[in-house]
């Protein structure tokens, strides 16, 4: 198991190894989110509030960006790329054939 930040994963030299990274779920952010249904398919998406203000009519409104889908059963977020661009976080991935502490070698077992 290797813990890397998202930019490290994207920029790593994997020596032509094909890897798949599946991030199933993460905890919902504690603040500045809205959960809303989209369309007829009843899928709920999580939006991060970038800015909130009142419009000319005095109604609350804001600028939001989608950070992923909402998993109602687990009360978790299935993140998209925007989530990782907004939140500084690390994820743990298992990469078959890559030894921990290989550094730049990234040798296969």
PDB file of N, CA and C in Angstrom:
ATOM      1  N   UNK A   1       0.859  -1.171   0.000  1.00  0.00           N
ATOM      2  CA  UNK A   1       0.000   0.000   0.000  1.00  0.00           C
ATOM      3  C   UNK A   1       0.898   1.224   0.000  1.00  0.00           C
ATOM      4  N   UNK A   2       0.596   2.151  -0.878  1.00  0.00           N
ATOM      5  CA  UNK A   2       1.383   3.359  -1.013  1.00  0.00           C
ATOM      6  C   UNK A   2       0.437   4.541  -0.875  1.00  0.00           C
ATOM      7  N   UNK A   3       0.806   5.516  -0.064  1.00  0.00           N
ATOM      8  CA  UNK A   3      -0.009   6.716   0.072  1.00  0.00           C
ATOM      9  C   UNK A   3       0.630   7.831  -0.726  1.00  0.00           C
ATOM     10  N   UNK A   4      -0.130   8.393  -1.650  1.00  0.00           N
ATOM     11  CA  UNK A   4       0.350   9.465  -2.519  1.00  0.00           C
ATOM     12  C   UNK A   4      -0.703  10.549  -2.590  1.00  0.00           C
ATOM     13  N   UNK A   5      -0.273  11.761  -2.843  1.00  0.00           N
ATOM     14  CA  UNK A   5      -1.252  12.812  -3.106  1.00  0.00           C
ATOM     15  C   UNK A   5      -1.714  12.646  -4.546  1.00  0.00           C
ATOM     16  N   UNK A   6      -2.837  13.221  -4.893  1.00  0.00           N
ATOM     17  CA  UNK A   6      -3.367  13.070  -6.252  1.00  0.00           C
ATOM     18  C   UNK A   6      -2.386  13.567  -7.304  1.00  0.00           C
ATOM     19  N   UNK A   7      -1.764  14.763  -7.150  1.00  0.00           N
ATOM     20  CA  UNK A   7      -0.790  15.175  -8.182  1.00  0.00           C
ATOM     21  C   UNK A   7       0.359  14.192  -8.345  1.00  0.00           C
ATOM     22  N   UNK A   8       0.805  13.566  -7.237  1.00  0.00           N
ATOM     23  CA  UNK A   8       1.882  12.580  -7.341  1.00  0.00           C
ATOM     24  C   UNK A   8       1.433  11.370  -8.153  1.00  0.00           C
ATOM     25  N   UNK A   9       0.201  10.955  -8.002  1.00  0.00           N
ATOM     26  CA  UNK A   9      -0.309   9.815  -8.764  1.00  0.00           C
ATOM     27  C   UNK A   9      -0.353  10.163 -10.245  1.00  0.00           C
ATOM     28  N   UNK A  10      -0.851  11.368 -10.535  1.00  0.00           N
ATOM     29  CA  UNK A  10      -0.989  11.770 -11.925  1.00  0.00           C
ATOM     30  C   UNK A  10       0.357  11.977 -12.603  1.00  0.00           C
ATOM     31  N   UNK A  11       1.386  12.395 -11.837  1.00  0.00           N
ATOM     32  CA  UNK A  11       2.669  12.735 -12.425  1.00  0.00           C
ATOM     33  C   UNK A  11       3.714  11.619 -12.289  1.00  0.00           C
ATOM     34  N   UNK A  12       3.380  10.547 -11.582  1.00  0.00           N
ATOM     35  CA  UNK A  12       4.356   9.484 -11.331  1.00  0.00           C
ATOM     36  C   UNK A  12       4.771   8.786 -12.621  1.00  0.00           C
ATOM     37  N   UNK A  13       6.010   8.347 -12.662  1.00  0.00           N
ATOM     38  CA  UNK A  13       6.514   7.562 -13.782  1.00  0.00           C
ATOM     39  C   UNK A  13       6.272   6.093 -13.439  1.00  0.00           C
ATOM     40  N   UNK A  14       5.334   5.503 -14.104  1.00  0.00           N
ATOM     41  CA  UNK A  14       4.955   4.128 -13.783  1.00  0.00           C
ATOM     42  C   UNK A  14       5.631   3.122 -14.705  1.00  0.00           C
ATOM     43  N   UNK A  15       6.628   3.534 -15.486  1.00  0.00           N
ATOM     44  CA  UNK A  15       7.375   2.630 -16.373  1.00  0.00           C
ATOM     45  C   UNK A  15       6.456   1.750 -17.208  1.00  0.00           C
ATOM     46  N   UNK A  16       5.514   2.378 -17.887  1.00  0.00           N
ATOM     47  CA  UNK A  16       4.583   1.702 -18.786  1.00  0.00           C
ATOM     48  C   UNK A  16       3.687   0.675 -18.106  1.00  0.00           C
ATOM     49  N   UNK A  17       3.530   0.776 -16.792  1.00  0.00           N
ATOM     50  CA  UNK A  17       2.609  -0.117 -16.080  1.00  0.00           C
ATOM     51  C   UNK A  17       1.199   0.434 -16.269  1.00  0.00           C
ATOM     52  N   UNK A  18       0.266  -0.436 -16.564  1.00  0.00           N
ATOM     53  CA  UNK A  18      -1.128  -0.003 -16.655  1.00  0.00           C
ATOM     54  C   UNK A  18      -1.738  -0.156 -15.280  1.00  0.00           C
ATOM     55  N   UNK A  19      -2.236   0.939 -14.724  1.00  0.00           N
ATOM     56  CA  UNK A  19      -2.884   0.855 -13.418  1.00  0.00           C
ATOM     57  C   UNK A  19      -4.270   1.464 -13.515  1.00  0.00           C
ATOM     58  N   UNK A  20      -5.136   0.990 -12.680  1.00  0.00           N
ATOM     59  CA  UNK A  20      -6.463   1.573 -12.560  1.00  0.00           C
ATOM     60  C   UNK A  20      -6.636   1.990 -11.112  1.00  0.00           C
ATOM     61  N   UNK A  21      -7.128   3.194 -10.919  1.00  0.00           N
ATOM     62  CA  UNK A  21      -7.365   3.680  -9.567  1.00  0.00           C
ATOM     63  C   UNK A  21      -8.858   3.878  -9.421  1.00  0.00           C
ATOM     64  N   UNK A  22      -9.430   3.212  -8.457  1.00  0.00           N
ATOM     65  CA  UNK A  22     -10.854   3.337  -8.190  1.00  0.00           C
ATOM     66  C   UNK A  22     -11.020   3.940  -6.801  1.00  0.00           C
ATOM     67  N   UNK A  23     -11.609   5.092  -6.750  1.00  0.00           N
ATOM     68  CA  UNK A  23     -11.900   5.718  -5.471  1.00  0.00           C
ATOM     69  C   UNK A  23     -13.391   5.589  -5.285  1.00  0.00           C
ATOM     70  N   UNK A  24     -13.777   4.661  -4.444  1.00  0.00           N
ATOM     71  CA  UNK A  24     -15.192   4.367  -4.316  1.00  0.00           C
ATOM     72  C   UNK A  24     -15.942   5.482  -3.606  1.00  0.00           C
ATOM     73  N   UNK A  25     -15.488   5.873  -2.427  1.00  0.00           N
ATOM     74  CA  UNK A  25     -16.243   6.841  -1.644  1.00  0.00           C
ATOM     75  C   UNK A  25     -15.315   7.581  -0.686  1.00  0.00           C
ATOM     76  N   UNK A  26     -15.688   8.810  -0.377  1.00  0.00           N
ATOM     77  CA  UNK A  26     -15.008   9.591   0.651  1.00  0.00           C
ATOM     78  C   UNK A  26     -16.081  10.217   1.530  1.00  0.00           C
ATOM     79  N   UNK A  27     -15.682  10.697   2.699  1.00  0.00           N
ATOM     80  CA  UNK A  27     -16.626  11.388   3.575  1.00  0.00           C
ATOM     81  C   UNK A  27     -17.073  12.693   2.937  1.00  0.00           C
ATOM     82  N   UNK A  28     -18.306  13.063   3.197  1.00  0.00           N
ATOM     83  CA  UNK A  28     -18.817  14.345   2.719  1.00  0.00           C
ATOM     84  C   UNK A  28     -18.094  15.481   3.438  1.00  0.00           C
ATOM     85  N   UNK A  29     -17.777  16.561   2.733  1.00  0.00           N
ATOM     86  CA  UNK A  29     -17.227  17.728   3.421  1.00  0.00           C
ATOM     87  C   UNK A  29     -18.226  18.214   4.477  1.00  0.00           C
ATOM     88  N   UNK A  30     -17.740  18.770   5.550  1.00  0.00           N
ATOM     89  CA  UNK A  30     -18.599  19.186   6.663  1.00  0.00           C
ATOM     90  C   UNK A  30     -19.346  20.485   6.379  1.00  0.00           C
ATOM     91  N   UNK A  31     -18.757  21.376   5.549  1.00  0.00           N
ATOM     92  CA  UNK A  31     -19.353  22.690   5.325  1.00  0.00           C
ATOM     93  C   UNK A  31     -19.391  23.023   3.838  1.00  0.00           C
ATOM     94  N   UNK A  32     -20.219  24.008   3.520  1.00  0.00           N
ATOM     95  CA  UNK A  32     -20.296  24.610   2.195  1.00  0.00           C
ATOM     96  C   UNK A  32     -20.673  23.645   1.078  1.00  0.00           C
ATOM     97  N   UNK A  33     -21.627  22.720   1.350  1.00  0.00           N
ATOM     98  CA  UNK A  33     -22.095  21.815   0.299  1.00  0.00           C
ATOM     99  C   UNK A  33     -23.610  21.882   0.170  1.00  0.00           C
ATOM    100  N   UNK A  34     -24.075  21.502  -1.005  1.00  0.00           N
ATOM    101  CA  UNK A  34     -25.494  21.377  -1.303  1.00  0.00           C
ATOM    102  C   UNK A  34     -25.664  20.040  -2.018  1.00  0.00           C
ATOM    103  N   UNK A  35     -26.686  19.287  -1.647  1.00  0.00           N
ATOM    104  CA  UNK A  35     -26.994  18.027  -2.326  1.00  0.00           C
ATOM    105  C   UNK A  35     -28.285  18.248  -3.109  1.00  0.00           C
ATOM    106  N   UNK A  36     -28.231  17.983  -4.417  1.00  0.00           N
ATOM    107  CA  UNK A  36     -29.391  18.250  -5.264  1.00  0.00           C
ATOM    108  C   UNK A  36     -29.599  17.130  -6.274  1.00  0.00           C
ATOM    109  N   UNK A  37     -30.889  16.860  -6.585  1.00  0.00           N
ATOM    110  CA  UNK A  37     -31.242  15.878  -7.617  1.00  0.00           C
ATOM    111  C   UNK A  37     -31.028  16.493  -8.986  1.00  0.00           C
ATOM    112  N   UNK A  38     -30.724  15.629  -9.940  1.00  0.00           N
ATOM    113  CA  UNK A  38     -30.536  16.110 -11.302  1.00  0.00           C
ATOM    114  C   UNK A  38     -31.370  15.270 -12.260  1.00  0.00           C
ATOM    115  N   UNK A  39     -32.229  15.924 -13.004  1.00  0.00           N
ATOM    116  CA  UNK A  39     -32.982  15.255 -14.062  1.00  0.00           C
ATOM    117  C   UNK A  39     -33.968  14.217 -13.587  1.00  0.00           C
ATOM    118  N   UNK A  40     -34.379  13.381 -14.547  1.00  0.00           N
ATOM    119  CA  UNK A  40     -35.393  12.358 -14.304  1.00  0.00           C
ATOM    120  C   UNK A  40     -34.830  11.109 -13.621  1.00  0.00           C
ATOM    121  N   UNK A  41     -33.513  10.938 -13.679  1.00  0.00           N
ATOM    122  CA  UNK A  41     -32.916   9.698 -13.173  1.00  0.00           C
ATOM    123  C   UNK A  41     -32.725   9.683 -11.655  1.00  0.00           C
ATOM    124  N   UNK A  42     -33.103  10.772 -10.971  1.00  0.00           N
ATOM    125  CA  UNK A  42     -33.040  10.863  -9.510  1.00  0.00           C
ATOM    126  C   UNK A  42     -31.649  10.658  -8.926  1.00  0.00           C
ATOM    127  N   UNK A  43     -30.610  10.902  -9.694  1.00  0.00           N
ATOM    128  CA  UNK A  43     -29.254  10.845  -9.163  1.00  0.00           C
ATOM    129  C   UNK A  43     -28.999  12.133  -8.396  1.00  0.00           C
ATOM    130  N   UNK A  44     -28.443  12.009  -7.210  1.00  0.00           N
ATOM    131  CA  UNK A  44     -28.135  13.195  -6.411  1.00  0.00           C
ATOM    132  C   UNK A  44     -26.653  13.516  -6.554  1.00  0.00           C
ATOM    133  N   UNK A  45     -26.385  14.805  -6.749  1.00  0.00           N
ATOM    134  CA  UNK A  45     -25.021  15.291  -6.887  1.00  0.00           C
ATOM    135  C   UNK A  45     -24.691  16.212  -5.723  1.00  0.00           C
ATOM    136  N   UNK A  46     -23.422  16.271  -5.382  1.00  0.00           N
ATOM    137  CA  UNK A  46     -22.957  17.144  -4.313  1.00  0.00           C
ATOM    138  C   UNK A  46     -22.247  18.330  -4.959  1.00  0.00           C
ATOM    139  N   UNK A  47     -22.638  19.516  -4.536  1.00  0.00           N
ATOM    140  CA  UNK A  47     -22.050  20.749  -5.055  1.00  0.00           C
ATOM    141  C   UNK A  47     -21.348  21.479  -3.922  1.00  0.00           C
ATOM    142  N   UNK A  48     -20.180  22.022  -4.210  1.00  0.00           N
ATOM    143  CA  UNK A  48     -19.435  22.831  -3.256  1.00  0.00           C
ATOM    144  C   UNK A  48     -19.767  24.295  -3.530  1.00  0.00           C
ATOM    145  N   UNK A  49     -20.066  25.054  -2.482  1.00  0.00           N
ATOM    146  CA  UNK A  49     -20.432  26.462  -2.632  1.00  0.00           C
ATOM    147  C   UNK A  49     -19.156  27.300  -2.657  1.00  0.00           C
ATOM    148  N   UNK A  50     -18.862  27.857  -3.826  1.00  0.00           N
ATOM    149  CA  UNK A  50     -17.679  28.704  -3.980  1.00  0.00           C
ATOM    150  C   UNK A  50     -17.924  30.113  -3.444  1.00  0.00           C
ATOM    151  N   UNK A  51     -19.144  30.624  -3.667  1.00  0.00           N
ATOM    152  CA  UNK A  51     -19.478  31.981  -3.265  1.00  0.00           C
ATOM    153  C   UNK A  51     -20.987  32.053  -3.039  1.00  0.00           C
ATOM    154  N   UNK A  52     -21.408  32.711  -1.962  1.00  0.00           N
ATOM    155  CA  UNK A  52     -22.845  32.904  -1.744  1.00  0.00           C
ATOM    156  C   UNK A  52     -23.114  34.397  -1.563  1.00  0.00           C
ATOM    157  N   UNK A  53     -24.247  34.822  -2.082  1.00  0.00           N
ATOM    158  CA  UNK A  53     -24.609  36.240  -2.042  1.00  0.00           C
ATOM    159  C   UNK A  53     -26.107  36.368  -2.306  1.00  0.00           C
ATOM    160  N   UNK A  54     -26.613  37.579  -2.224  1.00  0.00           N
ATOM    161  CA  UNK A  54     -28.014  37.853  -2.546  1.00  0.00           C
ATOM    162  C   UNK A  54     -28.073  38.550  -3.899  1.00  0.00           C
ATOM    163  N   UNK A  55     -29.023  38.117  -4.729  1.00  0.00           N
ATOM    164  CA  UNK A  55     -29.166  38.729  -6.053  1.00  0.00           C
ATOM    165  C   UNK A  55     -29.899  40.075  -5.948  1.00  0.00           C
ATOM    166  N   UNK A  56     -30.198  40.681  -7.079  1.00  0.00           N
ATOM    167  CA  UNK A  56     -30.844  42.001  -7.106  1.00  0.00           C
ATOM    168  C   UNK A  56     -32.207  42.008  -6.417  1.00  0.00           C
ATOM    169  N   UNK A  57     -32.868  40.854  -6.416  1.00  0.00           N
ATOM    170  CA  UNK A  57     -34.182  40.750  -5.765  1.00  0.00           C
ATOM    171  C   UNK A  57     -34.057  40.429  -4.271  1.00  0.00           C
ATOM    172  N   UNK A  58     -32.834  40.295  -3.782  1.00  0.00           N
ATOM    173  CA  UNK A  58     -32.618  39.999  -2.369  1.00  0.00           C
ATOM    174  C   UNK A  58     -32.679  38.520  -2.033  1.00  0.00           C
ATOM    175  N   UNK A  59     -32.772  37.677  -3.054  1.00  0.00           N
ATOM    176  CA  UNK A  59     -32.854  36.236  -2.816  1.00  0.00           C
ATOM    177  C   UNK A  59     -31.456  35.634  -2.678  1.00  0.00           C
ATOM    178  N   UNK A  60     -31.291  34.710  -1.731  1.00  0.00           N
ATOM    179  CA  UNK A  60     -29.984  34.069  -1.597  1.00  0.00           C
ATOM    180  C   UNK A  60     -29.659  33.229  -2.842  1.00  0.00           C
ATOM    181  N   UNK A  61     -28.457  33.326  -3.310  1.00  0.00           N
ATOM    182  CA  UNK A  61     -28.002  32.564  -4.472  1.00  0.00           C
ATOM    183  C   UNK A  61     -26.505  32.333  -4.306  1.00  0.00           C
ATOM    184  N   UNK A  62     -25.924  31.645  -5.243  1.00  0.00           N
ATOM    185  CA  UNK A  62     -24.494  31.390  -5.104  1.00  0.00           C
ATOM    186  C   UNK A  62     -23.889  30.735  -6.319  1.00  0.00           C
ATOM    187  N   UNK A  63     -22.578  30.666  -6.297  1.00  0.00           N
ATOM    188  CA  UNK A  63     -21.829  29.983  -7.346  1.00  0.00           C
ATOM    189  C   UNK A  63     -21.358  28.653  -6.772  1.00  0.00           C
ATOM    190  N   UNK A  64     -21.711  27.557  -7.464  1.00  0.00           N
ATOM    191  CA  UNK A  64     -21.357  26.216  -6.987  1.00  0.00           C
ATOM    192  C   UNK A  64     -20.621  25.453  -8.073  1.00  0.00           C
ATOM    193  N   UNK A  65     -19.969  24.377  -7.650  1.00  0.00           N
ATOM    194  CA  UNK A  65     -19.298  23.481  -8.584  1.00  0.00           C
ATOM    195  C   UNK A  65     -19.540  22.050  -8.113  1.00  0.00           C
ATOM    196  N   UNK A  66     -19.812  21.161  -9.057  1.00  0.00           N
ATOM    197  CA  UNK A  66     -20.059  19.757  -8.723  1.00  0.00           C
ATOM    198  C   UNK A  66     -18.762  19.108  -8.241  1.00  0.00           C
ATOM    199  N   UNK A  67     -18.849  18.389  -7.105  1.00  0.00           N
ATOM    200  CA  UNK A  67     -17.672  17.665  -6.607  1.00  0.00           C
ATOM    201  C   UNK A  67     -17.890  16.152  -6.589  1.00  0.00           C
ATOM    202  N   UNK A  68     -19.048  15.698  -7.095  1.00  0.00           N
ATOM    203  CA  UNK A  68     -19.274  14.260  -7.191  1.00  0.00           C
ATOM    204  C   UNK A  68     -20.720  13.863  -6.993  1.00  0.00           C
ATOM    205  N   UNK A  69     -20.936  12.556  -6.948  1.00  0.00           N
ATOM    206  CA  UNK A  69     -22.276  11.994  -6.735  1.00  0.00           C
ATOM    207  C   UNK A  69     -22.445  11.638  -5.267  1.00  0.00           C
ATOM    208  N   UNK A  70     -23.694  11.704  -4.828  1.00  0.00           N
ATOM    209  CA  UNK A  70     -24.032  11.391  -3.443  1.00  0.00           C
ATOM    210  C   UNK A  70     -24.522   9.954  -3.337  1.00  0.00           C
ATOM    211  N   UNK A  71     -23.913   9.177  -2.443  1.00  0.00           N
ATOM    212  CA  UNK A  71     -24.353   7.813  -2.161  1.00  0.00           C
ATOM    213  C   UNK A  71     -25.230   7.871  -0.911  1.00  0.00           C
ATOM    214  N   UNK A  72     -26.557   7.804  -1.129  1.00  0.00           N
ATOM    215  CA  UNK A  72     -27.509   7.929  -0.020  1.00  0.00           C
ATOM    216  C   UNK A  72     -27.391   6.811   0.999  1.00  0.00           C
ATOM    217  N   UNK A  73     -27.171   5.592   0.530  1.00  0.00           N
ATOM    218  CA  UNK A  73     -27.117   4.447   1.442  1.00  0.00           C
ATOM    219  C   UNK A  73     -25.966   4.563   2.435  1.00  0.00           C
ATOM    220  N   UNK A  74     -24.832   5.034   1.980  1.00  0.00           N
ATOM    221  CA  UNK A  74     -23.642   5.130   2.832  1.00  0.00           C
ATOM    222  C   UNK A  74     -23.411   6.540   3.382  1.00  0.00           C
ATOM    223  N   UNK A  75     -24.204   7.516   2.909  1.00  0.00           N
ATOM    224  CA  UNK A  75     -24.007   8.924   3.247  1.00  0.00           C
ATOM    225  C   UNK A  75     -22.566   9.350   2.944  1.00  0.00           C
ATOM    226  N   UNK A  76     -22.111   9.007   1.738  1.00  0.00           N
ATOM    227  CA  UNK A  76     -20.745   9.286   1.295  1.00  0.00           C
ATOM    228  C   UNK A  76     -20.777   9.990  -0.055  1.00  0.00           C
ATOM    229  N   UNK A  77     -19.616  10.489  -0.445  1.00  0.00           N
ATOM    230  CA  UNK A  77     -19.432  11.163  -1.717  1.00  0.00           C
ATOM    231  C   UNK A  77     -18.588  10.298  -2.634  1.00  0.00           C
ATOM    232  N   UNK A  78     -19.024  10.149  -3.868  1.00  0.00           N
ATOM    233  CA  UNK A  78     -18.214   9.507  -4.905  1.00  0.00           C
ATOM    234  C   UNK A  78     -17.586  10.667  -5.673  1.00  0.00           C
ATOM    235  N   UNK A  79     -16.319  10.975  -5.400  1.00  0.00           N
ATOM    236  CA  UNK A  79     -15.722  12.222  -5.877  1.00  0.00           C
ATOM    237  C   UNK A  79     -15.418  12.242  -7.369  1.00  0.00           C
ATOM    238  N   UNK A  80     -15.402  13.463  -7.932  1.00  0.00           N
ATOM    239  CA  UNK A  80     -14.953  13.657  -9.303  1.00  0.00           C
ATOM    240  C   UNK A  80     -13.657  14.483  -9.265  1.00  0.00           C
ATOM    241  N   UNK A  81     -13.137  14.873 -10.404  1.00  0.00           N
ATOM    242  CA  UNK A  81     -11.880  15.622 -10.452  1.00  0.00           C
ATOM    243  C   UNK A  81     -11.963  16.953  -9.711  1.00  0.00           C
ATOM    244  N   UNK A  82     -13.107  17.604  -9.756  1.00  0.00           N
ATOM    245  CA  UNK A  82     -13.253  18.886  -9.060  1.00  0.00           C
ATOM    246  C   UNK A  82     -12.994  18.750  -7.564  1.00  0.00           C
ATOM    247  N   UNK A  83     -13.413  17.629  -6.977  1.00  0.00           N
ATOM    248  CA  UNK A  83     -13.193  17.401  -5.552  1.00  0.00           C
ATOM    249  C   UNK A  83     -11.703  17.484  -5.225  1.00  0.00           C
ATOM    250  N   UNK A  84     -10.889  16.820  -6.041  1.00  0.00           N
ATOM    251  CA  UNK A  84      -9.454  16.790  -5.774  1.00  0.00           C
ATOM    252  C   UNK A  84      -8.771  18.115  -6.097  1.00  0.00           C
ATOM    253  N   UNK A  85      -9.372  18.913  -6.985  1.00  0.00           N
ATOM    254  CA  UNK A  85      -8.831  20.238  -7.271  1.00  0.00           C
ATOM    255  C   UNK A  85      -9.115  21.213  -6.131  1.00  0.00           C
ATOM    256  N   UNK A  86     -10.231  21.018  -5.432  1.00  0.00           N
ATOM    257  CA  UNK A  86     -10.630  21.931  -4.356  1.00  0.00           C
ATOM    258  C   UNK A  86     -10.027  21.536  -3.017  1.00  0.00           C
ATOM    259  N   UNK A  87     -10.047  20.251  -2.703  1.00  0.00           N
ATOM    260  CA  UNK A  87      -9.612  19.786  -1.389  1.00  0.00           C
ATOM    261  C   UNK A  87      -8.218  19.174  -1.482  1.00  0.00           C
ATOM    262  N   UNK A  88      -7.353  19.597  -0.597  1.00  0.00           N
ATOM    263  CA  UNK A  88      -5.998  19.052  -0.529  1.00  0.00           C
ATOM    264  C   UNK A  88      -6.072  17.779   0.311  1.00  0.00           C
ATOM    265  N   UNK A  89      -5.958  16.640  -0.325  1.00  0.00           N
ATOM    266  CA  UNK A  89      -6.096  15.395   0.412  1.00  0.00           C
ATOM    267  C   UNK A  89      -5.174  14.335  -0.175  1.00  0.00           C
ATOM    268  N   UNK A  90      -4.965  13.307   0.601  1.00  0.00           N
ATOM    269  CA  UNK A  90      -4.191  12.164   0.136  1.00  0.00           C
ATOM    270  C   UNK A  90      -5.115  10.968   0.059  1.00  0.00           C
ATOM    271  N   UNK A  91      -4.807  10.076  -0.859  1.00  0.00           N
ATOM    272  CA  UNK A  91      -5.554   8.831  -0.949  1.00  0.00           C
ATOM    273  C   UNK A  91      -4.565   7.686  -0.907  1.00  0.00           C
ATOM    274  N   UNK A  92      -5.016   6.544  -0.458  1.00  0.00           N
ATOM    275  CA  UNK A  92      -4.176   5.365  -0.411  1.00  0.00           C
ATOM    276  C   UNK A  92      -4.591   4.447  -1.539  1.00  0.00           C
ATOM    277  N   UNK A  93      -3.600   4.024  -2.328  1.00  0.00           N
ATOM    278  CA  UNK A  93      -3.883   3.133  -3.448  1.00  0.00           C
ATOM    279  C   UNK A  93      -3.018   1.893  -3.340  1.00  0.00           C
ATOM    280  N   UNK A  94      -3.532   0.804  -3.845  1.00  0.00           N
ATOM    281  CA  UNK A  94      -2.758  -0.429  -3.951  1.00  0.00           C
ATOM    282  C   UNK A  94      -2.412  -0.610  -5.420  1.00  0.00           C
ATOM    283  N   UNK A  95      -1.137  -0.728  -5.710  1.00  0.00           N
ATOM    284  CA  UNK A  95      -0.693  -0.910  -7.083  1.00  0.00           C
ATOM    285  C   UNK A  95       0.015  -2.253  -7.159  1.00  0.00           C
ATOM    286  N   UNK A  96      -0.553  -3.191  -7.904  1.00  0.00           N
ATOM    287  CA  UNK A  96       0.060  -4.501  -8.055  1.00  0.00           C
ATOM    288  C   UNK A  96       1.370  -4.365  -8.797  1.00  0.00           C
ATOM    289  N   UNK A  97       2.383  -5.059  -8.324  1.00  0.00           N
ATOM    290  CA  UNK A  97       3.652  -5.093  -9.026  1.00  0.00           C
ATOM    291  C   UNK A  97       4.573  -3.931  -8.692  1.00  0.00           C
ATOM    292  N   UNK A  98       4.164  -3.020  -7.811  1.00  0.00           N
ATOM    293  CA  UNK A  98       5.004  -1.892  -7.444  1.00  0.00           C
ATOM    294  C   UNK A  98       5.369  -2.033  -5.980  1.00  0.00           C
ATOM    295  N   UNK A  99       6.670  -2.052  -5.704  1.00  0.00           N
ATOM    296  CA  UNK A  99       7.134  -2.204  -4.335  1.00  0.00           C
ATOM    297  C   UNK A  99       7.173  -0.847  -3.655  1.00  0.00           C
ATOM    298  N   UNK A 100       6.818  -0.828  -2.374  1.00  0.00           N
ATOM    299  CA  UNK A 100       6.940   0.405  -1.615  1.00  0.00           C
ATOM    300  C   UNK A 100       8.422   0.720  -1.473  1.00  0.00           C
ATOM    301  N   UNK A 101       8.784   1.990  -1.416  1.00  0.00           N
ATOM    302  CA  UNK A 101      10.164   2.470  -1.319  1.00  0.00           C
ATOM    303  C   UNK A 101      10.966   2.237  -2.580  1.00  0.00           C
ATOM    304  N   UNK A 102      10.317   2.009  -3.705  1.00  0.00           N
ATOM    305  CA  UNK A 102      11.034   1.865  -4.969  1.00  0.00           C
ATOM    306  C   UNK A 102      11.490   3.212  -5.512  1.00  0.00           C
ATOM    307  N   UNK A 103      10.903   4.298  -4.994  1.00  0.00           N
ATOM    308  CA  UNK A 103      11.268   5.617  -5.478  1.00  0.00           C
ATOM    309  C   UNK A 103      11.031   5.753  -6.963  1.00  0.00           C
ATOM    310  N   UNK A 104      12.030   6.249  -7.697  1.00  0.00           N
ATOM    311  CA  UNK A 104      11.885   6.463  -9.129  1.00  0.00           C
ATOM    312  C   UNK A 104      12.046   5.188  -9.942  1.00  0.00           C
ATOM    313  N   UNK A 105      12.512   4.114  -9.300  1.00  0.00           N
ATOM    314  CA  UNK A 105      12.712   2.869 -10.041  1.00  0.00           C
ATOM    315  C   UNK A 105      11.389   2.264 -10.489  1.00  0.00           C
ATOM    316  N   UNK A 106      10.438   2.223  -9.553  1.00  0.00           N
ATOM    317  CA  UNK A 106       9.116   1.642  -9.844  1.00  0.00           C
ATOM    318  C   UNK A 106       9.251   0.262 -10.493  1.00  0.00           C
ATOM    319  N   UNK A 107      10.057  -0.577  -9.879  1.00  0.00           N
ATOM    320  CA  UNK A 107      10.301  -1.910 -10.437  1.00  0.00           C
ATOM    321  C   UNK A 107       9.085  -2.800 -10.288  1.00  0.00           C
ATOM    322  N   UNK A 108       8.933  -3.698 -11.233  1.00  0.00           N
ATOM    323  CA  UNK A 108       7.862  -4.694 -11.130  1.00  0.00           C
ATOM    324  C   UNK A 108       8.368  -5.880 -10.340  1.00  0.00           C
ATOM    325  N   UNK A 109       7.468  -6.506  -9.602  1.00  0.00           N
ATOM    326  CA  UNK A 109       7.834  -7.735  -8.891  1.00  0.00           C
ATOM    327  C   UNK A 109       7.689  -8.909  -9.804  1.00  0.00           C
TER     328      UNK A 109
END
